[in-house]
N, C-alpha and C. Protein backbone atom coordinates (compact mmCIF):
# COMPACT_ATOMS: atom_id res chain seq x y z
N MET A 1 2.28 -6.88 -6.77
CA MET A 1 2.09 -7.69 -5.60
C MET A 1 2.43 -6.82 -4.38
N LEU A 2 1.66 -6.98 -3.33
CA LEU A 2 1.89 -6.22 -2.11
C LEU A 2 2.61 -7.07 -1.08
N LYS A 3 3.48 -6.43 -0.33
CA LYS A 3 4.16 -7.13 0.76
C LYS A 3 4.41 -6.16 1.91
N ILE A 4 4.65 -6.72 3.07
CA ILE A 4 5.03 -5.92 4.22
C ILE A 4 6.51 -5.57 4.06
N LYS A 5 6.84 -4.32 4.27
CA LYS A 5 8.22 -3.86 4.11
C LYS A 5 9.17 -4.65 5.01
N ASP A 6 10.38 -4.89 4.50
CA ASP A 6 11.39 -5.64 5.25
C ASP A 6 11.77 -4.94 6.55
N SER A 7 11.64 -3.63 6.59
CA SER A 7 12.04 -2.86 7.77
C SER A 7 11.00 -2.91 8.90
N VAL A 8 9.85 -3.51 8.64
CA VAL A 8 8.75 -3.55 9.61
C VAL A 8 8.82 -4.84 10.42
N ASP A 9 8.74 -4.71 11.74
CA ASP A 9 8.62 -5.87 12.62
C ASP A 9 7.21 -6.44 12.43
N LEU A 10 7.12 -7.71 12.07
CA LEU A 10 5.81 -8.31 11.78
C LEU A 10 4.87 -8.28 12.98
N LYS A 11 5.40 -8.15 14.18
CA LYS A 11 4.56 -8.04 15.37
C LYS A 11 3.69 -6.77 15.32
N GLU A 12 4.07 -5.79 14.49
CA GLU A 12 3.27 -4.58 14.30
C GLU A 12 1.88 -4.92 13.76
N LEU A 13 1.77 -6.03 13.04
CA LEU A 13 0.49 -6.43 12.48
C LEU A 13 -0.55 -6.72 13.56
N GLU A 14 -0.09 -7.08 14.74
CA GLU A 14 -1.02 -7.37 15.84
C GLU A 14 -1.82 -6.13 16.22
N LYS A 15 -1.26 -4.95 16.00
CA LYS A 15 -1.97 -3.71 16.29
C LYS A 15 -3.18 -3.52 15.36
N PHE A 16 -3.18 -4.25 14.25
CA PHE A 16 -4.25 -4.16 13.26
C PHE A 16 -5.18 -5.37 13.31
N GLY A 17 -5.06 -6.17 14.36
CA GLY A 17 -5.95 -7.30 14.55
C GLY A 17 -5.46 -8.61 13.97
N PHE A 18 -4.23 -8.65 13.44
CA PHE A 18 -3.69 -9.89 12.89
C PHE A 18 -3.22 -10.79 14.03
N GLU A 19 -3.28 -12.08 13.79
CA GLU A 19 -2.81 -13.08 14.75
C GLU A 19 -1.80 -13.99 14.08
N GLU A 20 -0.77 -14.37 14.81
CA GLU A 20 0.22 -15.30 14.30
C GLU A 20 -0.34 -16.72 14.44
N ASN A 21 -0.12 -17.56 13.43
CA ASN A 21 -0.57 -18.95 13.55
C ASN A 21 0.61 -19.90 13.44
N GLU A 22 0.34 -21.17 13.58
CA GLU A 22 1.40 -22.18 13.59
C GLU A 22 1.94 -22.52 12.21
N TYR A 23 1.40 -21.91 11.16
CA TYR A 23 1.83 -22.19 9.79
C TYR A 23 2.71 -21.09 9.19
N ASP A 24 3.34 -20.29 10.04
CA ASP A 24 4.22 -19.19 9.60
C ASP A 24 3.49 -18.11 8.83
N TYR A 25 2.28 -17.80 9.26
CA TYR A 25 1.51 -16.71 8.68
C TYR A 25 0.97 -15.82 9.79
N PHE A 26 0.80 -14.55 9.45
CA PHE A 26 -0.04 -13.68 10.27
C PHE A 26 -1.38 -13.65 9.55
N TRP A 27 -2.47 -13.79 10.29
CA TRP A 27 -3.79 -13.99 9.73
C TRP A 27 -4.75 -12.96 10.30
N TYR A 28 -5.58 -12.41 9.42
CA TYR A 28 -6.66 -11.53 9.84
C TYR A 28 -7.91 -12.06 9.15
N GLY A 29 -8.93 -12.37 9.90
CA GLY A 29 -10.12 -12.92 9.26
C GLY A 29 -11.37 -12.58 10.02
N PHE A 30 -12.47 -12.65 9.33
CA PHE A 30 -13.77 -12.39 9.93
C PHE A 30 -14.83 -13.05 9.07
N THR A 31 -15.98 -13.26 9.63
CA THR A 31 -17.09 -13.88 8.93
C THR A 31 -18.17 -12.84 8.71
N ARG A 32 -18.52 -12.57 7.46
CA ARG A 32 -19.55 -11.60 7.10
C ARG A 32 -19.99 -11.86 5.68
N PRO A 33 -21.11 -11.44 5.22
CA PRO A 33 -22.32 -11.15 5.98
C PRO A 33 -23.06 -12.43 6.33
N ASN A 34 -22.73 -13.51 5.66
CA ASN A 34 -23.35 -14.81 5.87
C ASN A 34 -22.45 -15.59 6.84
N PRO A 35 -22.98 -16.24 7.86
CA PRO A 35 -22.15 -16.99 8.81
C PRO A 35 -21.24 -18.02 8.16
N ASN A 36 -21.58 -18.46 6.96
CA ASN A 36 -20.74 -19.43 6.25
C ASN A 36 -19.72 -18.76 5.34
N SER A 37 -19.66 -17.45 5.37
CA SER A 37 -18.79 -16.67 4.50
C SER A 37 -17.56 -16.23 5.28
N GLU A 38 -16.39 -16.45 4.71
CA GLU A 38 -15.18 -16.04 5.40
C GLU A 38 -14.30 -15.20 4.49
N ILE A 39 -13.74 -14.18 5.07
CA ILE A 39 -12.78 -13.31 4.39
C ILE A 39 -11.51 -13.37 5.22
N SER A 40 -10.37 -13.52 4.58
CA SER A 40 -9.14 -13.51 5.34
C SER A 40 -8.02 -12.85 4.56
N ILE A 41 -7.10 -12.29 5.32
CA ILE A 41 -5.88 -11.71 4.76
C ILE A 41 -4.73 -12.45 5.42
N LEU A 42 -3.81 -12.96 4.61
CA LEU A 42 -2.65 -13.69 5.11
C LEU A 42 -1.38 -12.95 4.76
N VAL A 43 -0.43 -12.93 5.70
CA VAL A 43 0.90 -12.40 5.44
C VAL A 43 1.88 -13.54 5.72
N ASN A 44 2.57 -13.98 4.68
CA ASN A 44 3.57 -15.03 4.81
C ASN A 44 4.75 -14.48 5.59
N MET A 45 5.13 -15.11 6.69
CA MET A 45 6.19 -14.58 7.55
C MET A 45 7.57 -14.66 6.89
N LYS A 46 7.75 -15.56 5.94
CA LYS A 46 9.05 -15.70 5.27
C LYS A 46 9.20 -14.70 4.13
N THR A 47 8.20 -14.63 3.24
CA THR A 47 8.28 -13.76 2.08
C THR A 47 7.68 -12.38 2.33
N ARG A 48 6.80 -12.28 3.37
CA ARG A 48 6.09 -11.06 3.71
C ARG A 48 5.01 -10.68 2.70
N HIS A 49 4.72 -11.54 1.76
CA HIS A 49 3.70 -11.26 0.76
C HIS A 49 2.31 -11.32 1.39
N ILE A 50 1.43 -10.46 0.88
CA ILE A 50 0.06 -10.37 1.36
C ILE A 50 -0.84 -11.09 0.37
N SER A 51 -1.69 -11.97 0.87
CA SER A 51 -2.67 -12.64 0.02
C SER A 51 -4.03 -12.60 0.70
N THR A 52 -5.07 -12.80 -0.09
CA THR A 52 -6.42 -12.74 0.45
C THR A 52 -7.17 -14.01 0.08
N GLY A 53 -8.12 -14.34 0.91
CA GLY A 53 -9.00 -15.47 0.64
C GLY A 53 -10.43 -15.03 0.86
N ILE A 54 -11.28 -15.27 -0.11
CA ILE A 54 -12.68 -14.86 0.00
C ILE A 54 -13.56 -15.94 -0.59
N ASP A 55 -14.84 -15.84 -0.35
CA ASP A 55 -15.78 -16.69 -1.04
C ASP A 55 -16.86 -15.81 -1.67
N MET A 56 -17.80 -16.41 -2.34
CA MET A 56 -18.77 -15.65 -3.13
C MET A 56 -19.70 -14.77 -2.29
N TYR A 57 -19.80 -15.00 -1.00
CA TYR A 57 -20.67 -14.21 -0.15
C TYR A 57 -19.93 -13.12 0.62
N ALA A 58 -18.63 -12.99 0.39
CA ALA A 58 -17.80 -12.10 1.18
C ALA A 58 -18.02 -10.63 0.83
N ASP A 59 -17.81 -9.78 1.81
CA ASP A 59 -17.86 -8.33 1.63
C ASP A 59 -16.43 -7.85 1.34
N LEU A 60 -16.14 -7.61 0.08
CA LEU A 60 -14.78 -7.24 -0.33
C LEU A 60 -14.31 -5.93 0.27
N PHE A 61 -15.22 -5.06 0.66
CA PHE A 61 -14.82 -3.79 1.24
C PHE A 61 -14.06 -3.99 2.54
N LYS A 62 -14.33 -5.06 3.26
CA LYS A 62 -13.61 -5.33 4.50
C LYS A 62 -12.13 -5.57 4.23
N ILE A 63 -11.84 -6.30 3.15
CA ILE A 63 -10.44 -6.55 2.78
C ILE A 63 -9.78 -5.25 2.36
N HIS A 64 -10.45 -4.49 1.51
CA HIS A 64 -9.89 -3.22 1.04
C HIS A 64 -9.60 -2.28 2.20
N ASP A 65 -10.52 -2.18 3.13
CA ASP A 65 -10.34 -1.29 4.27
C ASP A 65 -9.13 -1.68 5.10
N LYS A 66 -8.96 -2.97 5.36
CA LYS A 66 -7.85 -3.41 6.20
C LYS A 66 -6.51 -3.20 5.49
N ILE A 67 -6.44 -3.52 4.21
CA ILE A 67 -5.19 -3.31 3.47
C ILE A 67 -4.89 -1.82 3.36
N TYR A 68 -5.91 -1.01 3.18
CA TYR A 68 -5.72 0.44 3.15
C TYR A 68 -5.13 0.93 4.48
N ASP A 69 -5.62 0.41 5.59
CA ASP A 69 -5.08 0.78 6.90
C ASP A 69 -3.59 0.46 6.99
N LEU A 70 -3.19 -0.69 6.47
CA LEU A 70 -1.77 -1.08 6.49
C LEU A 70 -0.94 -0.16 5.61
N ILE A 71 -1.49 0.21 4.45
CA ILE A 71 -0.78 1.12 3.54
C ILE A 71 -0.63 2.49 4.19
N GLN A 72 -1.71 3.01 4.77
CA GLN A 72 -1.67 4.33 5.41
C GLN A 72 -0.67 4.36 6.56
N ALA A 73 -0.47 3.24 7.23
CA ALA A 73 0.48 3.17 8.34
C ALA A 73 1.92 3.03 7.85
N GLY A 74 2.10 2.92 6.53
CA GLY A 74 3.45 2.82 5.96
C GLY A 74 4.08 1.45 6.07
N LEU A 75 3.26 0.41 6.22
CA LEU A 75 3.79 -0.94 6.39
C LEU A 75 3.93 -1.73 5.10
N VAL A 76 3.31 -1.23 4.01
CA VAL A 76 3.19 -2.01 2.78
C VAL A 76 3.96 -1.35 1.64
N GLU A 77 4.53 -2.21 0.79
CA GLU A 77 5.14 -1.73 -0.45
C GLU A 77 4.70 -2.63 -1.59
N LYS A 78 4.75 -2.09 -2.80
CA LYS A 78 4.41 -2.85 -3.99
C LYS A 78 5.69 -3.39 -4.60
N VAL A 79 5.71 -4.68 -4.90
CA VAL A 79 6.89 -5.30 -5.52
C VAL A 79 6.46 -6.04 -6.78
N GLU A 80 7.42 -6.29 -7.63
CA GLU A 80 7.12 -7.04 -8.85
C GLU A 80 6.89 -8.50 -8.50
N GLU A 81 5.97 -9.12 -9.20
CA GLU A 81 5.67 -10.52 -8.98
C GLU A 81 6.85 -11.38 -9.38
N GLU A 82 7.19 -12.33 -8.51
CA GLU A 82 8.29 -13.25 -8.81
C GLU A 82 7.79 -14.35 -9.72
N ARG A 83 8.59 -14.72 -10.65
CA ARG A 83 8.19 -15.79 -11.59
C ARG A 83 9.07 -16.99 -11.41
């Protein structure tokens, strides 16, 4: 499971196009290639875990590229899944 490192200020995500919402998440989303298709990446502000939401028309490369950018910037770490 991927998460944002505890040492990172979550406001750093704004530099990558993420927006804070009223549900305690930082959200990055876009619609492609079909106007009814949505891809989103969510970061839970409490746990810092990264999750994705896609539908059958989504371009998965967009998600991979954005998460790769976060990894390259040193913001992400891999943790064991909590049970």
